[in-house]
PDB file of N, CA and C in Angstrom:
ATOM      1  N   UNK A   1      11.034  74.325  48.792  1.00  0.00           N
ATOM      2  CA  UNK A   1       9.795  73.908  48.149  1.00  0.00           C
ATOM      3  C   UNK A   1       9.932  72.489  47.576  1.00  0.00           C
ATOM      4  N   UNK A   2      11.062  72.195  46.913  1.00  0.00           N
ATOM      5  CA  UNK A   2      11.241  70.874  46.322  1.00  0.00           C
ATOM      6  C   UNK A   2      11.338  69.797  47.398  1.00  0.00           C
ATOM      7  N   UNK A   3      11.983  70.135  48.513  1.00  0.00           N
ATOM      8  CA  UNK A   3      12.120  69.165  49.595  1.00  0.00           C
ATOM      9  C   UNK A   3      10.747  68.856  50.185  1.00  0.00           C
ATOM     10  N   UNK A   4       9.937  69.893  50.384  1.00  0.00           N
ATOM     11  CA  UNK A   4       8.591  69.692  50.926  1.00  0.00           C
ATOM     12  C   UNK A   4       7.747  68.847  49.973  1.00  0.00           C
ATOM     13  N   UNK A   5       7.882  69.091  48.684  1.00  0.00           N
ATOM     14  CA  UNK A   5       7.135  68.316  47.694  1.00  0.00           C
ATOM     15  C   UNK A   5       7.587  66.853  47.722  1.00  0.00           C
ATOM     16  N   UNK A   6       8.887  66.639  47.849  1.00  0.00           N
ATOM     17  CA  UNK A   6       9.415  65.279  47.908  1.00  0.00           C
ATOM     18  C   UNK A   6       8.884  64.553  49.150  1.00  0.00           C
ATOM     19  N   UNK A   7       8.878  65.230  50.284  1.00  0.00           N
ATOM     20  CA  UNK A   7       8.361  64.629  51.513  1.00  0.00           C
ATOM     21  C   UNK A   7       6.883  64.292  51.356  1.00  0.00           C
ATOM     22  N   UNK A   8       6.124  65.167  50.723  1.00  0.00           N
ATOM     23  CA  UNK A   8       4.708  64.907  50.496  1.00  0.00           C
ATOM     24  C   UNK A   8       4.510  63.667  49.629  1.00  0.00           C
ATOM     25  N   UNK A   9       5.279  63.555  48.550  1.00  0.00           N
ATOM     26  CA  UNK A   9       5.154  62.396  47.660  1.00  0.00           C
ATOM     27  C   UNK A   9       5.522  61.115  48.408  1.00  0.00           C
ATOM     28  N   UNK A  10       6.575  61.155  49.199  1.00  0.00           N
ATOM     29  CA  UNK A  10       6.974  59.979  49.986  1.00  0.00           C
ATOM     30  C   UNK A  10       5.887  59.597  50.994  1.00  0.00           C
ATOM     31  N   UNK A  11       5.303  60.588  51.644  1.00  0.00           N
ATOM     32  CA  UNK A  11       4.242  60.328  52.612  1.00  0.00           C
ATOM     33  C   UNK A  11       3.027  59.707  51.926  1.00  0.00           C
ATOM     34  N   UNK A  12       2.649  60.234  50.765  1.00  0.00           N
ATOM     35  CA  UNK A  12       1.500  59.686  50.037  1.00  0.00           C
ATOM     36  C   UNK A  12       1.774  58.244  49.602  1.00  0.00           C
ATOM     37  N   UNK A  13       2.997  57.968  49.160  1.00  0.00           N
ATOM     38  CA  UNK A  13       3.361  56.603  48.768  1.00  0.00           C
ATOM     39  C   UNK A  13       3.272  55.662  49.966  1.00  0.00           C
ATOM     40  N   UNK A  14       3.739  56.135  51.110  1.00  0.00           N
ATOM     41  CA  UNK A  14       3.655  55.332  52.332  1.00  0.00           C
ATOM     42  C   UNK A  14       2.195  55.066  52.701  1.00  0.00           C
ATOM     43  N   UNK A  15       1.358  56.085  52.624  1.00  0.00           N
ATOM     44  CA  UNK A  15      -0.073  55.925  52.936  1.00  0.00           C
ATOM     45  C   UNK A  15      -0.730  54.911  52.009  1.00  0.00           C
ATOM     46  N   UNK A  16      -0.408  54.983  50.724  1.00  0.00           N
ATOM     47  CA  UNK A  16      -0.974  54.020  49.773  1.00  0.00           C
ATOM     48  C   UNK A  16      -0.499  52.605  50.061  1.00  0.00           C
ATOM     49  N   UNK A  17       0.771  52.471  50.439  1.00  0.00           N
ATOM     50  CA  UNK A  17       1.322  51.159  50.760  1.00  0.00           C
ATOM     51  C   UNK A  17       0.637  50.556  51.983  1.00  0.00           C
ATOM     52  N   UNK A  18       0.451  51.356  53.027  1.00  0.00           N
ATOM     53  CA  UNK A  18      -0.218  50.875  54.235  1.00  0.00           C
ATOM     54  C   UNK A  18      -1.672  50.522  53.938  1.00  0.00           C
ATOM     55  N   UNK A  19      -2.350  51.355  53.160  1.00  0.00           N
ATOM     56  CA  UNK A  19      -3.744  51.089  52.801  1.00  0.00           C
ATOM     57  C   UNK A  19      -3.866  49.788  52.015  1.00  0.00           C
ATOM     58  N   UNK A  20      -2.963  49.581  51.061  1.00  0.00           N
ATOM     59  CA  UNK A  20      -2.977  48.349  50.273  1.00  0.00           C
ATOM     60  C   UNK A  20      -2.678  47.153  51.171  1.00  0.00           C
ATOM     61  N   UNK A  21      -1.728  47.271  52.074  1.00  0.00           N
ATOM     62  CA  UNK A  21      -1.392  46.175  52.983  1.00  0.00           C
ATOM     63  C   UNK A  21      -2.615  45.789  53.831  1.00  0.00           C
ATOM     64  N   UNK A  22      -3.309  46.787  54.368  1.00  0.00           N
ATOM     65  CA  UNK A  22      -4.498  46.515  55.186  1.00  0.00           C
ATOM     66  C   UNK A  22      -5.598  45.850  54.356  1.00  0.00           C
ATOM     67  N   UNK A  23      -5.768  46.309  53.127  1.00  0.00           N
ATOM     68  CA  UNK A  23      -6.797  45.713  52.259  1.00  0.00           C
ATOM     69  C   UNK A  23      -6.422  44.262  51.933  1.00  0.00           C
ATOM     70  N   UNK A  24      -5.139  44.017  51.718  1.00  0.00           N
ATOM     71  CA  UNK A  24      -4.696  42.654  51.428  1.00  0.00           C
ATOM     72  C   UNK A  24      -4.897  41.739  52.631  1.00  0.00           C
ATOM     73  N   UNK A  25      -4.655  42.251  53.834  1.00  0.00           N
ATOM     74  CA  UNK A  25      -4.869  41.439  55.038  1.00  0.00           C
ATOM     75  C   UNK A  25      -6.325  40.984  55.121  1.00  0.00           C
ATOM     76  N   UNK A  26      -7.244  41.836  54.715  1.00  0.00           N
ATOM     77  CA  UNK A  26      -8.667  41.511  54.795  1.00  0.00           C
ATOM     78  C   UNK A  26      -9.130  40.598  53.659  1.00  0.00           C
ATOM     79  N   UNK A  27      -8.594  40.808  52.440  1.00  0.00           N
ATOM     80  CA  UNK A  27      -9.139  40.113  51.270  1.00  0.00           C
ATOM     81  C   UNK A  27      -8.225  39.030  50.695  1.00  0.00           C
ATOM     82  N   UNK A  28      -6.928  39.152  50.864  1.00  0.00           N
ATOM     83  CA  UNK A  28      -5.985  38.188  50.291  1.00  0.00           C
ATOM     84  C   UNK A  28      -4.753  38.105  51.197  1.00  0.00           C
ATOM     85  N   UNK A  29      -4.866  37.403  52.326  1.00  0.00           N
ATOM     86  CA  UNK A  29      -3.802  37.419  53.323  1.00  0.00           C
ATOM     87  C   UNK A  29      -2.443  36.927  52.834  1.00  0.00           C
ATOM     88  N   UNK A  30      -2.387  36.119  51.800  1.00  0.00           N
ATOM     89  CA  UNK A  30      -1.105  35.592  51.328  1.00  0.00           C
ATOM     90  C   UNK A  30      -0.325  36.538  50.434  1.00  0.00           C
ATOM     91  N   UNK A  31      -0.931  37.647  50.036  1.00  0.00           N
ATOM     92  CA  UNK A  31      -0.268  38.569  49.102  1.00  0.00           C
ATOM     93  C   UNK A  31       0.378  39.735  49.838  1.00  0.00           C
ATOM     94  N   UNK A  32       1.467  40.217  49.258  1.00  0.00           N
ATOM     95  CA  UNK A  32       2.130  41.409  49.791  1.00  0.00           C
ATOM     96  C   UNK A  32       1.877  42.567  48.834  1.00  0.00           C
ATOM     97  N   UNK A  33       1.978  43.802  49.326  1.00  0.00           N
ATOM     98  CA  UNK A  33       1.812  44.944  48.420  1.00  0.00           C
ATOM     99  C   UNK A  33       2.783  44.903  47.239  1.00  0.00           C
ATOM    100  N   UNK A  34       4.031  44.516  47.490  1.00  0.00           N
ATOM    101  CA  UNK A  34       5.014  44.449  46.411  1.00  0.00           C
ATOM    102  C   UNK A  34       4.601  43.439  45.342  1.00  0.00           C
ATOM    103  N   UNK A  35       4.109  42.270  45.770  1.00  0.00           N
ATOM    104  CA  UNK A  35       3.678  41.243  44.815  1.00  0.00           C
ATOM    105  C   UNK A  35       2.510  41.743  43.970  1.00  0.00           C
ATOM    106  N   UNK A  36       1.571  42.445  44.607  1.00  0.00           N
ATOM    107  CA  UNK A  36       0.418  42.976  43.871  1.00  0.00           C
ATOM    108  C   UNK A  36       0.877  44.013  42.847  1.00  0.00           C
ATOM    109  N   UNK A  37       1.749  44.917  43.263  1.00  0.00           N
ATOM    110  CA  UNK A  37       2.236  45.946  42.338  1.00  0.00           C
ATOM    111  C   UNK A  37       3.019  45.332  41.181  1.00  0.00           C
ATOM    112  N   UNK A  38       3.828  44.316  41.463  1.00  0.00           N
ATOM    113  CA  UNK A  38       4.574  43.646  40.392  1.00  0.00           C
ATOM    114  C   UNK A  38       3.627  42.947  39.423  1.00  0.00           C
ATOM    115  N   UNK A  39       2.606  42.305  39.962  1.00  0.00           N
ATOM    116  CA  UNK A  39       1.640  41.610  39.101  1.00  0.00           C
ATOM    117  C   UNK A  39       0.863  42.596  38.237  1.00  0.00           C
ATOM    118  N   UNK A  40       0.351  43.651  38.867  1.00  0.00           N
ATOM    119  CA  UNK A  40      -0.483  44.599  38.127  1.00  0.00           C
ATOM    120  C   UNK A  40       0.334  45.544  37.238  1.00  0.00           C
ATOM    121  N   UNK A  41       1.659  45.541  37.382  1.00  0.00           N
ATOM    122  CA  UNK A  41       2.478  46.408  36.522  1.00  0.00           C
ATOM    123  C   UNK A  41       2.419  45.969  35.062  1.00  0.00           C
ATOM    124  N   UNK A  42       1.942  44.751  34.826  1.00  0.00           N
ATOM    125  CA  UNK A  42       1.790  44.279  33.452  1.00  0.00           C
ATOM    126  C   UNK A  42       0.611  44.901  32.725  1.00  0.00           C
ATOM    127  N   UNK A  43      -0.306  45.523  33.468  1.00  0.00           N
ATOM    128  CA  UNK A  43      -1.423  46.229  32.829  1.00  0.00           C
ATOM    129  C   UNK A  43      -0.901  47.576  32.336  1.00  0.00           C
ATOM    130  N   UNK A  44      -1.050  47.840  31.085  1.00  0.00           N
ATOM    131  CA  UNK A  44      -0.519  49.067  30.495  1.00  0.00           C
ATOM    132  C   UNK A  44      -1.630  49.937  29.926  1.00  0.00           C
ATOM    133  N   UNK A  45      -1.420  51.229  29.978  1.00  0.00           N
ATOM    134  CA  UNK A  45      -2.318  52.189  29.335  1.00  0.00           C
ATOM    135  C   UNK A  45      -1.554  52.759  28.156  1.00  0.00           C
ATOM    136  N   UNK A  46      -2.145  52.719  26.980  1.00  0.00           N
ATOM    137  CA  UNK A  46      -1.462  53.232  25.796  1.00  0.00           C
ATOM    138  C   UNK A  46      -2.434  53.966  24.898  1.00  0.00           C
ATOM    139  N   UNK A  47      -1.879  54.793  24.022  1.00  0.00           N
ATOM    140  CA  UNK A  47      -2.686  55.524  23.044  1.00  0.00           C
ATOM    141  C   UNK A  47      -2.420  54.958  21.660  1.00  0.00           C
ATOM    142  N   UNK A  48      -3.483  54.572  20.971  1.00  0.00           N
ATOM    143  CA  UNK A  48      -3.385  54.107  19.591  1.00  0.00           C
ATOM    144  C   UNK A  48      -3.721  55.301  18.701  1.00  0.00           C
ATOM    145  N   UNK A  49      -2.799  55.698  17.835  1.00  0.00           N
ATOM    146  CA  UNK A  49      -2.980  56.856  16.953  1.00  0.00           C
ATOM    147  C   UNK A  49      -3.276  56.361  15.540  1.00  0.00           C
ATOM    148  N   UNK A  50      -4.409  56.778  15.010  1.00  0.00           N
ATOM    149  CA  UNK A  50      -4.808  56.404  13.653  1.00  0.00           C
ATOM    150  C   UNK A  50      -5.005  57.673  12.828  1.00  0.00           C
ATOM    151  N   UNK A  51      -4.233  57.831  11.747  1.00  0.00           N
ATOM    152  CA  UNK A  51      -4.414  59.022  10.918  1.00  0.00           C
ATOM    153  C   UNK A  51      -5.715  58.936  10.121  1.00  0.00           C
ATOM    154  N   UNK A  52      -6.383  60.071   9.990  1.00  0.00           N
ATOM    155  CA  UNK A  52      -7.616  60.149   9.210  1.00  0.00           C
ATOM    156  C   UNK A  52      -7.310  60.780   7.854  1.00  0.00           C
ATOM    157  N   UNK A  53      -8.208  60.592   6.912  1.00  0.00           N
ATOM    158  CA  UNK A  53      -7.991  61.079   5.550  1.00  0.00           C
ATOM    159  C   UNK A  53      -7.893  62.603   5.481  1.00  0.00           C
ATOM    160  N   UNK A  54      -8.540  63.317   6.399  1.00  0.00           N
ATOM    161  CA  UNK A  54      -8.536  64.775   6.344  1.00  0.00           C
ATOM    162  C   UNK A  54      -7.366  65.405   7.116  1.00  0.00           C
ATOM    163  N   UNK A  55      -6.407  64.578   7.562  1.00  0.00           N
ATOM    164  CA  UNK A  55      -5.232  65.103   8.252  1.00  0.00           C
ATOM    165  C   UNK A  55      -5.349  65.074   9.767  1.00  0.00           C
ATOM    166  N   UNK A  56      -6.556  64.869  10.258  1.00  0.00           N
ATOM    167  CA  UNK A  56      -6.714  64.770  11.707  1.00  0.00           C
ATOM    168  C   UNK A  56      -6.245  63.393  12.168  1.00  0.00           C
ATOM    169  N   UNK A  57      -6.262  63.192  13.480  1.00  0.00           N
ATOM    170  CA  UNK A  57      -5.783  61.939  14.031  1.00  0.00           C
ATOM    171  C   UNK A  57      -6.780  61.427  15.066  1.00  0.00           C
ATOM    172  N   UNK A  58      -7.122  60.158  14.958  1.00  0.00           N
ATOM    173  CA  UNK A  58      -7.997  59.513  15.920  1.00  0.00           C
ATOM    174  C   UNK A  58      -7.104  58.890  16.988  1.00  0.00           C
ATOM    175  N   UNK A  59      -7.341  59.261  18.244  1.00  0.00           N
ATOM    176  CA  UNK A  59      -6.547  58.738  19.359  1.00  0.00           C
ATOM    177  C   UNK A  59      -7.451  57.870  20.216  1.00  0.00           C
ATOM    178  N   UNK A  60      -7.066  56.605  20.348  1.00  0.00           N
ATOM    179  CA  UNK A  60      -7.824  55.651  21.143  1.00  0.00           C
ATOM    180  C   UNK A  60      -7.013  55.307  22.390  1.00  0.00           C
ATOM    181  N   UNK A  61      -7.315  55.911  23.531  1.00  0.00           N
ATOM    182  CA  UNK A  61      -6.614  55.516  24.752  1.00  0.00           C
ATOM    183  C   UNK A  61      -7.138  54.153  25.209  1.00  0.00           C
ATOM    184  N   UNK A  62      -6.244  53.204  25.406  1.00  0.00           N
ATOM    185  CA  UNK A  62      -6.645  51.848  25.760  1.00  0.00           C
ATOM    186  C   UNK A  62      -5.709  51.271  26.807  1.00  0.00           C
ATOM    187  N   UNK A  63      -6.256  50.442  27.689  1.00  0.00           N
ATOM    188  CA  UNK A  63      -5.408  49.659  28.566  1.00  0.00           C
ATOM    189  C   UNK A  63      -5.437  48.226  28.064  1.00  0.00           C
ATOM    190  N   UNK A  64      -4.362  47.502  28.334  1.00  0.00           N
ATOM    191  CA  UNK A  64      -4.271  46.131  27.871  1.00  0.00           C
ATOM    192  C   UNK A  64      -5.270  45.256  28.623  1.00  0.00           C
ATOM    193  N   UNK A  65      -5.714  44.207  27.987  1.00  0.00           N
ATOM    194  CA  UNK A  65      -6.654  43.289  28.627  1.00  0.00           C
ATOM    195  C   UNK A  65      -5.912  42.491  29.697  1.00  0.00           C
ATOM    196  N   UNK A  66      -6.504  42.341  30.865  1.00  0.00           N
ATOM    197  CA  UNK A  66      -5.818  41.639  31.948  1.00  0.00           C
ATOM    198  C   UNK A  66      -5.637  40.149  31.657  1.00  0.00           C
ATOM    199  N   UNK A  67      -4.461  39.657  32.022  1.00  0.00           N
ATOM    200  CA  UNK A  67      -4.168  38.226  31.945  1.00  0.00           C
ATOM    201  C   UNK A  67      -4.861  37.543  33.129  1.00  0.00           C
ATOM    202  N   UNK A  68      -4.889  36.218  33.146  1.00  0.00           N
ATOM    203  CA  UNK A  68      -5.557  35.522  34.267  1.00  0.00           C
ATOM    204  C   UNK A  68      -5.003  35.905  35.641  1.00  0.00           C
ATOM    205  N   UNK A  69      -3.681  36.091  35.769  1.00  0.00           N
ATOM    206  CA  UNK A  69      -3.130  36.461  37.083  1.00  0.00           C
ATOM    207  C   UNK A  69      -3.553  37.869  37.492  1.00  0.00           C
ATOM    208  N   UNK A  70      -3.714  38.765  36.506  1.00  0.00           N
ATOM    209  CA  UNK A  70      -4.214  40.107  36.802  1.00  0.00           C
ATOM    210  C   UNK A  70      -5.656  40.038  37.299  1.00  0.00           C
ATOM    211  N   UNK A  71      -6.455  39.254  36.584  1.00  0.00           N
ATOM    212  CA  UNK A  71      -7.869  39.122  36.948  1.00  0.00           C
ATOM    213  C   UNK A  71      -8.037  38.530  38.340  1.00  0.00           C
ATOM    214  N   UNK A  72      -7.163  37.574  38.695  1.00  0.00           N
ATOM    215  CA  UNK A  72      -7.242  36.948  40.014  1.00  0.00           C
ATOM    216  C   UNK A  72      -6.979  37.971  41.120  1.00  0.00           C
ATOM    217  N   UNK A  73      -5.933  38.785  40.956  1.00  0.00           N
ATOM    218  CA  UNK A  73      -5.613  39.806  41.960  1.00  0.00           C
ATOM    219  C   UNK A  73      -6.736  40.835  42.042  1.00  0.00           C
ATOM    220  N   UNK A  74      -7.224  41.295  40.894  1.00  0.00           N
ATOM    221  CA  UNK A  74      -8.315  42.274  40.887  1.00  0.00           C
ATOM    222  C   UNK A  74      -9.562  41.715  41.572  1.00  0.00           C
ATOM    223  N   UNK A  75      -9.853  40.448  41.303  1.00  0.00           N
ATOM    224  CA  UNK A  75     -11.029  39.811  41.904  1.00  0.00           C
ATOM    225  C   UNK A  75     -10.864  39.683  43.417  1.00  0.00           C
ATOM    226  N   UNK A  76      -9.674  39.275  43.872  1.00  0.00           N
ATOM    227  CA  UNK A  76      -9.429  39.124  45.306  1.00  0.00           C
ATOM    228  C   UNK A  76      -9.592  40.450  46.048  1.00  0.00           C
ATOM    229  N   UNK A  77      -9.176  41.542  45.414  1.00  0.00           N
ATOM    230  CA  UNK A  77      -9.263  42.849  46.047  1.00  0.00           C
ATOM    231  C   UNK A  77     -10.633  43.505  45.858  1.00  0.00           C
ATOM    232  N   UNK A  78     -11.470  42.907  45.007  1.00  0.00           N
ATOM    233  CA  UNK A  78     -12.785  43.489  44.759  1.00  0.00           C
ATOM    234  C   UNK A  78     -12.725  44.704  43.851  1.00  0.00           C
ATOM    235  N   UNK A  79     -11.705  44.759  43.003  1.00  0.00           N
ATOM    236  CA  UNK A  79     -11.533  45.886  42.089  1.00  0.00           C
ATOM    237  C   UNK A  79     -11.989  45.504  40.691  1.00  0.00           C
ATOM    238  N   UNK A  80     -12.465  46.486  39.952  1.00  0.00           N
ATOM    239  CA  UNK A  80     -12.823  46.301  38.540  1.00  0.00           C
ATOM    240  C   UNK A  80     -12.109  47.370  37.730  1.00  0.00           C
ATOM    241  N   UNK A  81     -11.677  46.990  36.545  1.00  0.00           N
ATOM    242  CA  UNK A  81     -11.091  47.993  35.662  1.00  0.00           C
ATOM    243  C   UNK A  81     -12.205  48.868  35.106  1.00  0.00           C
ATOM    244  N   UNK A  82     -11.946  50.145  34.928  1.00  0.00           N
ATOM    245  CA  UNK A  82     -12.976  51.015  34.357  1.00  0.00           C
ATOM    246  C   UNK A  82     -13.188  50.693  32.880  1.00  0.00           C
ATOM    247  N   UNK A  83     -14.263  51.184  32.342  1.00  0.00           N
ATOM    248  CA  UNK A  83     -14.523  51.016  30.910  1.00  0.00           C
ATOM    249  C   UNK A  83     -13.422  51.724  30.112  1.00  0.00           C
ATOM    250  N   UNK A  84     -13.186  51.232  28.915  1.00  0.00           N
ATOM    251  CA  UNK A  84     -12.180  51.862  28.055  1.00  0.00           C
ATOM    252  C   UNK A  84     -12.592  53.322  27.821  1.00  0.00           C
ATOM    253  N   UNK A  85     -11.635  54.258  27.883  1.00  0.00           N
ATOM    254  CA  UNK A  85     -11.969  55.670  27.648  1.00  0.00           C
ATOM    255  C   UNK A  85     -12.464  55.895  26.217  1.00  0.00           C
ATOM    256  N   UNK A  86     -13.257  56.933  26.002  1.00  0.00           N
ATOM    257  CA  UNK A  86     -13.759  57.201  24.648  1.00  0.00           C
ATOM    258  C   UNK A  86     -12.640  57.720  23.750  1.00  0.00           C
ATOM    259  N   UNK A  87     -12.779  57.524  22.436  1.00  0.00           N
ATOM    260  CA  UNK A  87     -11.768  58.034  21.505  1.00  0.00           C
ATOM    261  C   UNK A  87     -11.804  59.557  21.424  1.00  0.00           C
ATOM    262  N   UNK A  88     -10.669  60.121  21.016  1.00  0.00           N
ATOM    263  CA  UNK A  88     -10.564  61.568  20.807  1.00  0.00           C
ATOM    264  C   UNK A  88     -10.082  61.801  19.374  1.00  0.00           C
ATOM    265  N   UNK A  89     -10.459  62.939  18.828  1.00  0.00           N
ATOM    266  CA  UNK A  89      -9.952  63.331  17.508  1.00  0.00           C
ATOM    267  C   UNK A  89      -9.108  64.578  17.703  1.00  0.00           C
ATOM    268  N   UNK A  90      -7.848  64.488  17.244  1.00  0.00           N
ATOM    269  CA  UNK A  90      -6.944  65.635  17.344  1.00  0.00           C
ATOM    270  C   UNK A  90      -6.832  66.293  15.982  1.00  0.00           C
ATOM    271  N   UNK A  91      -6.858  67.608  15.984  1.00  0.00           N
ATOM    272  CA  UNK A  91      -6.713  68.333  14.735  1.00  0.00           C
ATOM    273  C   UNK A  91      -5.247  68.322  14.332  1.00  0.00           C
ATOM    274  N   UNK A  92      -4.981  68.490  13.047  1.00  0.00           N
ATOM    275  CA  UNK A  92      -3.581  68.462  12.600  1.00  0.00           C
ATOM    276  C   UNK A  92      -2.809  69.647  13.173  1.00  0.00           C
ATOM    277  N   UNK A  93      -1.507  69.437  13.404  1.00  0.00           N
ATOM    278  CA  UNK A  93      -0.666  70.523  13.888  1.00  0.00           C
ATOM    279  C   UNK A  93      -0.418  71.497  12.747  1.00  0.00           C
ATOM    280  N   UNK A  94      -0.411  72.766  13.101  1.00  0.00           N
ATOM    281  CA  UNK A  94      -0.088  73.793  12.122  1.00  0.00           C
ATOM    282  C   UNK A  94       1.423  73.725  11.888  1.00  0.00           C
ATOM    283  N   UNK A  95       1.884  73.686  10.609  1.00  0.00           N
ATOM    284  CA  UNK A  95       3.314  73.546  10.343  1.00  0.00           C
ATOM    285  C   UNK A  95       4.178  74.600  11.047  1.00  0.00           C
ATOM    286  N   UNK A  96       3.718  75.824  11.157  1.00  0.00           N
ATOM    287  CA  UNK A  96       4.519  76.869  11.798  1.00  0.00           C
ATOM    288  C   UNK A  96       4.727  76.545  13.276  1.00  0.00           C
ATOM    289  N   UNK A  97       3.688  76.032  13.939  1.00  0.00           N
ATOM    290  CA  UNK A  97       3.819  75.668  15.341  1.00  0.00           C
ATOM    291  C   UNK A  97       4.739  74.471  15.513  1.00  0.00           C
ATOM    292  N   UNK A  98       4.652  73.526  14.605  1.00  0.00           N
ATOM    293  CA  UNK A  98       5.518  72.359  14.684  1.00  0.00           C
ATOM    294  C   UNK A  98       6.980  72.760  14.531  1.00  0.00           C
ATOM    295  N   UNK A  99       7.267  73.661  13.583  1.00  0.00           N
ATOM    296  CA  UNK A  99       8.640  74.129  13.396  1.00  0.00           C
ATOM    297  C   UNK A  99       9.113  74.895  14.620  1.00  0.00           C
ATOM    298  N   UNK A 100       8.236  75.673  15.213  1.00  0.00           N
ATOM    299  CA  UNK A 100       8.590  76.445  16.393  1.00  0.00           C
ATOM    300  C   UNK A 100       8.948  75.504  17.546  1.00  0.00           C
ATOM    301  N   UNK A 101       8.203  74.419  17.708  1.00  0.00           N
ATOM    302  CA  UNK A 101       8.500  73.438  18.745  1.00  0.00           C
ATOM    303  C   UNK A 101       9.836  72.754  18.476  1.00  0.00           C
ATOM    304  N   UNK A 102      10.119  72.438  17.200  1.00  0.00           N
ATOM    305  CA  UNK A 102      11.394  71.821  16.842  1.00  0.00           C
ATOM    306  C   UNK A 102      12.552  72.728  17.208  1.00  0.00           C
ATOM    307  N   UNK A 103      12.422  74.011  16.884  1.00  0.00           N
ATOM    308  CA  UNK A 103      13.477  74.957  17.165  1.00  0.00           C
ATOM    309  C   UNK A 103      13.729  75.038  18.667  1.00  0.00           C
ATOM    310  N   UNK A 104      12.691  75.082  19.471  1.00  0.00           N
ATOM    311  CA  UNK A 104      12.834  75.158  20.911  1.00  0.00           C
ATOM    312  C   UNK A 104      13.482  73.894  21.461  1.00  0.00           C
ATOM    313  N   UNK A 105      13.131  72.721  20.897  1.00  0.00           N
ATOM    314  CA  UNK A 105      13.690  71.484  21.421  1.00  0.00           C
ATOM    315  C   UNK A 105      15.172  71.346  21.078  1.00  0.00           C
ATOM    316  N   UNK A 106      15.630  71.961  19.993  1.00  0.00           N
ATOM    317  CA  UNK A 106      17.040  71.898  19.622  1.00  0.00           C
ATOM    318  C   UNK A 106      17.895  72.801  20.512  1.00  0.00           C
ATOM    319  N   UNK A 107      17.274  73.820  21.089  1.00  0.00           N
ATOM    320  CA  UNK A 107      18.016  74.732  21.955  1.00  0.00           C
ATOM    321  C   UNK A 107      18.241  74.107  23.253  1.00  0.00           C
TER     322      UNK A 107
END
């Protein structure tokens, strides 16, 4: 099962690489898939956690704003970044559950 899953992941990666290469040939002939991936690897998705007064937590999932080189690659490929995701509010963890998770992680 693990070998089949690994082969599937490798095949999907190959398909994405070929698809990106073909798209680059049409829209940006001087770029390689590796160069595009290296450039766009600077775009990060992160969660900003802000504690609220009532013990809950406001989670703001955000991606970093693209630098000029990111914007150039995105523009050449005809891609747009999606809108920033909406914020979420997480309820506080129950102390008993938190202790239970700690105990399991120590084992």
